[in-house]
Protein backbone atom coordinates (compact mmCIF):
# COMPACT_ATOMS: atom_id res chain seq x y z
CA MET A 1 -17.21 104.69 115.94
CA LYS A 2 -15.49 103.57 119.16
CA LYS A 3 -16.69 106.72 120.94
CA ILE A 4 -20.28 106.11 119.84
CA ARG A 5 -20.20 102.49 121.08
CA LEU A 6 -18.82 103.57 124.48
CA ILE A 7 -21.52 106.23 124.83
CA THR A 8 -24.21 103.71 123.86
CA VAL A 9 -23.04 101.20 126.52
CA ALA A 10 -22.80 103.94 129.16
CA VAL A 11 -26.33 105.18 128.41
CA LEU A 12 -27.70 101.63 128.54
CA VAL A 13 -26.08 101.00 131.93
CA LEU A 14 -27.47 104.29 133.26
CA MET A 15 -30.97 103.44 132.02
CA ILE A 16 -30.87 100.05 133.74
CA ILE A 17 -29.71 101.54 137.04
CA MET A 18 -32.40 104.24 136.86
CA THR A 19 -35.05 101.63 136.11
CA LEU A 20 -33.99 99.48 139.03
CA THR A 21 -33.92 102.50 141.30
CA CYS A 22 -37.47 103.47 140.35
CA CYS A 23 -38.68 99.93 141.02
CA GLY A 24 -37.06 99.88 144.44
CA LYS A 25 -34.71 97.02 143.61
CA ILE A 26 -31.52 99.03 143.87
CA GLN A 27 -31.40 102.39 145.61
CA ARG A 28 -28.14 103.94 146.80
CA ASP A 29 -26.25 100.74 146.34
CA VAL A 30 -23.73 99.56 143.78
CA VAL A 31 -23.71 96.08 142.28
CA SER A 32 -20.56 95.32 140.31
CA ALA A 33 -20.45 92.80 137.49
CA GLU A 34 -18.52 90.42 139.71
CA ALA A 35 -21.02 90.76 142.56
CA ALA A 36 -23.95 90.31 140.18
CA ILE A 37 -22.46 87.10 138.80
CA ALA A 38 -21.78 85.79 142.32
CA TYR A 39 -25.30 86.62 143.54
CA VAL A 40 -26.82 84.95 140.47
CA ALA A 41 -24.91 81.78 141.38
CA VAL A 42 -26.32 81.92 144.94
CA LEU A 43 -29.90 82.38 143.76
CA GLU A 44 -29.70 79.73 141.06
CA ASP A 45 -28.45 77.22 143.63
CA ILE A 46 -31.58 77.50 145.82
CA ASP A 47 -33.66 74.38 146.25
CA LEU A 48 -37.12 75.95 146.59
CA ASP A 49 -39.03 72.66 146.79
CA GLY A 50 -42.26 74.47 145.91
CA ARG A 51 -41.72 77.36 148.32
CA HIS A 52 -41.80 81.07 147.49
CA ALA A 53 -38.53 82.99 147.61
CA TYR A 54 -37.94 86.72 147.98
CA ALA A 55 -34.84 88.90 147.84
CA VAL A 56 -33.58 92.47 147.86
CA LEU A 57 -30.31 94.17 146.96
CA GLU A 58 -29.53 96.72 149.65
CA ASP A 59 -26.51 98.06 151.48
CA VAL A 60 -27.00 96.86 155.06
CA ASN A 61 -23.39 96.84 156.26
CA GLY A 62 -22.34 100.40 155.42
CA ASP A 63 -19.88 99.61 152.61
CA GLU A 64 -21.96 101.42 149.94
CA LYS A 65 -22.32 98.15 148.02
CA ALA A 66 -25.49 96.12 147.80
CA GLU A 67 -25.80 93.01 149.92
CA LEU A 68 -28.18 90.23 148.90
CA ILE A 69 -30.90 89.49 151.45
CA LEU A 70 -32.58 86.21 150.58
CA GLU A 71 -35.71 84.75 152.16
CA VAL A 72 -37.15 81.35 151.35
CA ASN A 73 -40.65 81.17 152.80
CA SER A 74 -41.03 78.96 155.90
CA SER A 75 -37.36 78.08 155.68
CA PHE A 76 -34.59 80.65 156.17
CA VAL A 77 -33.28 84.19 155.74
CA ASP A 78 -29.65 84.70 154.67
CA VAL A 79 -27.59 87.83 154.10
CA TYR A 80 -24.75 87.71 151.55
CA THR A 81 -22.09 90.18 150.58
CA TYR A 82 -19.55 90.11 147.77
CA ASP A 83 -16.00 89.71 149.03
CA ASP A 84 -13.56 91.37 146.63
CA GLU A 85 -10.56 89.45 147.96
CA ALA A 86 -12.25 86.04 147.87
CA GLU A 87 -14.00 86.99 144.61
CA GLU A 88 -17.19 85.29 145.72
CA ALA A 89 -20.40 85.86 147.66
CA ILE A 90 -20.06 85.03 151.34
CA LYS A 91 -22.84 84.60 153.88
CA LEU A 92 -22.69 87.21 156.61
CA TYR A 93 -25.53 85.81 158.69
CA GLY A 94 -28.52 83.52 158.49
CA ARG A 95 -31.42 82.18 160.56
CA THR A 96 -34.27 79.76 160.06
CA LEU A 97 -37.78 81.17 159.76
CA GLY A 98 -39.67 78.27 161.25
CA LYS A 99 -42.32 76.24 159.47
CA LEU A 100 -45.21 78.39 160.72
CA TYR A 101 -43.80 81.78 159.66
CA GLU A 102 -45.34 83.00 156.41
CA GLY A 103 -44.46 86.69 156.49
CA TRP A 104 -41.33 88.59 155.45
CA ALA A 105 -38.02 89.54 156.96
CA TYR A 106 -37.23 93.23 157.42
CA TYR A 107 -34.21 95.43 156.72
CA SER A 108 -33.05 99.00 157.27
CA ASN A 109 -30.09 100.34 155.31
CA GLU A 110 -30.16 103.47 157.47
CA ARG A 111 -29.55 101.40 160.61
CA ASN A 112 -27.56 98.65 158.86
CA GLN A 113 -29.90 96.12 160.46
CA VAL A 114 -31.96 93.10 159.45
CA ILE A 115 -34.81 91.59 161.48
CA PHE A 116 -34.94 87.79 161.36
CA PRO A 117 -38.41 86.56 162.40
CA SER A 118 -39.39 82.99 163.21
CA ALA A 119 -42.52 81.08 164.20
CA SER A 120 -43.05 77.44 165.14
CA THR A 121 -45.14 75.32 167.47
CA GLY A 122 -42.82 76.46 170.25
CA GLY A 123 -43.62 80.16 169.84
CA GLU A 124 -42.24 83.13 167.94
CA SER A 125 -39.06 85.19 167.91
CA TYR A 126 -37.53 88.29 166.36
CA TYR A 127 -33.78 88.80 166.18
CA VAL A 128 -32.39 92.20 165.19
CA VAL A 129 -28.89 91.89 163.75
CA GLU A 130 -26.62 94.82 162.96
CA PHE A 131 -23.95 94.64 160.26
CA SER A 132 -20.64 96.44 159.84
CA GLY A 133 -18.41 95.29 157.01
CA ASN A 134 -18.21 91.51 157.26
CA ASN A 135 -19.11 91.56 160.96
CA SER A 136 -22.52 91.11 162.57
CA LYS A 137 -23.90 91.36 166.08
CA LEU A 138 -27.24 90.69 167.73
CA VAL A 139 -28.58 93.97 169.10
CA LYS A 140 -32.09 92.96 170.18
CA SER A 141 -34.23 89.86 170.55
CA LEU A 142 -37.88 89.22 171.35
CA ARG A 143 -39.18 85.75 172.13
CA ARG A 144 -42.55 84.29 173.05
CA ILE A 145 -42.41 80.70 174.31
CA ASN A 146 -45.62 78.70 174.32
CA SER A 147 -46.65 77.12 177.61
CA ASP A 148 -46.12 73.55 176.41
CA HIS A 149 -42.51 74.42 175.49
CA SER A 150 -41.54 76.55 178.51
CA GLU A 151 -39.84 75.23 181.64
CA SER A 152 -42.38 77.01 183.85
CA GLY A 153 -45.38 75.48 182.08
CA VAL A 154 -46.82 78.93 181.33
CA GLU A 155 -46.37 81.20 178.34
CA GLU A 156 -43.19 83.25 178.67
CA TYR A 157 -42.17 86.56 177.13
CA LEU A 158 -38.55 87.62 176.81
CA ILE A 159 -36.75 90.74 175.60
CA ASN A 160 -32.99 90.37 175.18
CA GLY A 161 -33.17 87.11 177.13
CA LYS A 162 -34.96 88.56 180.17
CA ASN A 163 -38.51 87.69 181.21
CA VAL A 164 -40.99 90.56 180.86
CA GLU A 165 -44.72 91.08 181.22
CA ILE A 166 -46.96 90.42 178.23
CA GLN A 167 -47.82 94.11 177.84
CA ASP A 168 -44.13 95.03 177.63
CA TYR A 169 -43.53 92.33 175.03
CA GLU A 170 -46.50 93.43 172.93
CA ALA A 171 -45.45 97.09 173.12
CA ALA A 172 -41.91 96.20 171.98
CA SER A 173 -43.26 93.98 169.18
CA GLU A 174 -45.56 96.71 167.92
CA ILE A 175 -42.76 99.21 167.30
CA LEU A 176 -40.01 96.73 166.40
CA THR A 177 -40.34 97.08 162.63
CA GLU A 178 -40.85 100.85 162.49
CA GLY A 179 -38.44 102.32 159.93
CA PHE A 180 -37.81 98.90 158.36
CA THR A 181 -38.75 97.62 154.91
CA THR A 182 -40.02 94.15 154.10
CA VAL A 183 -38.09 91.71 151.92
CA GLU A 184 -40.88 90.97 149.47
CA THR A 185 -39.53 91.24 145.92
CA GLU A 186 -39.93 87.97 144.04
CA VAL A 187 -36.55 86.28 143.61
CA GLU A 188 -37.13 85.90 139.85
CA THR A 189 -37.28 89.70 139.54
CA ILE A 190 -33.98 90.11 141.38
CA LEU A 191 -32.41 87.38 139.24
CA GLU A 192 -33.45 89.19 136.08
CA SER A 193 -31.98 92.45 137.34
CA LEU A 194 -28.69 90.81 138.33
CA ARG A 195 -28.33 89.03 135.01
CA THR A 196 -28.95 92.28 133.15
CA ILE A 197 -26.33 94.10 135.20
CA ALA A 198 -23.79 91.31 134.73
CA GLU A 199 -24.35 91.08 130.98
CA THR A 200 -24.23 94.84 130.47
CA TYR A 201 -21.11 95.47 132.52
CA THR A 202 -19.26 92.54 130.99
CA THR A 203 -20.04 93.53 127.41
CA GLU A 204 -16.89 95.09 126.05
CA PRO A 205 -17.25 97.57 123.21
CA GLU A 206 -15.63 96.67 119.92
CA THR A 207 -12.28 98.37 119.62
CA THR A 208 -10.89 99.89 116.43
CA GLU A 209 -7.57 101.38 115.54
CA PRO A 210 -7.47 105.10 116.26
CA ASP A 211 -7.58 107.36 113.23
CA VAL A 212 -4.21 108.86 112.35
CA PRO A 213 -4.52 112.41 111.05
CA GLU A 214 -2.98 112.99 107.65
CA THR A 215 0.06 115.24 107.53
CA ASP A 216 1.56 117.14 104.66
CA THR A 217 4.71 115.64 103.20
CA VAL A 218 7.65 118.00 103.39
CA VAL A 219 10.03 117.76 100.43
CA GLU A 220 13.47 119.08 101.04
């Protein structure tokens, strides 16, 4: 009976992982029960205030475990990882989106990078951040500053902090997201997946005493 219960739980876990993989929610990444519980706590603590929220579970720091990338529309994008020592989800990096930005953030688990976009009355920006373990570094930035917000009084275009011509900025912007995927899965879908993983992995099979084989009694 114990063996059957263990097999049943294992098959159920495998089916859930395969389903999530097919839907694009979890690919080559691993979400432990502890990480799932921690990520659920993060998502349930969001104050949406009527805004849409999106998330993905992807390995973007090369540790072969899924990080949580969370985007709240017109507000912010945060990247979380589960810290085994701290036993909690910690924020690796985050940026505001700007009130005028209504698109999605981008990620690449092949490059271990996330693109943080932003748009406001002052202009637009794209920050490409690379992750390694719990460390992050800015590897590229594109900024357009509107004329009424620039020191020169004219529209400015910058790549990695240096002024460039408009054609160079537009060319860099056009290819910036090539090879990246958008963060566009509804947060409720990710929450459901995480809860399922947590509940399944934390369900312990009922244990029974092992059967003791009968032996012949030897009479001397």
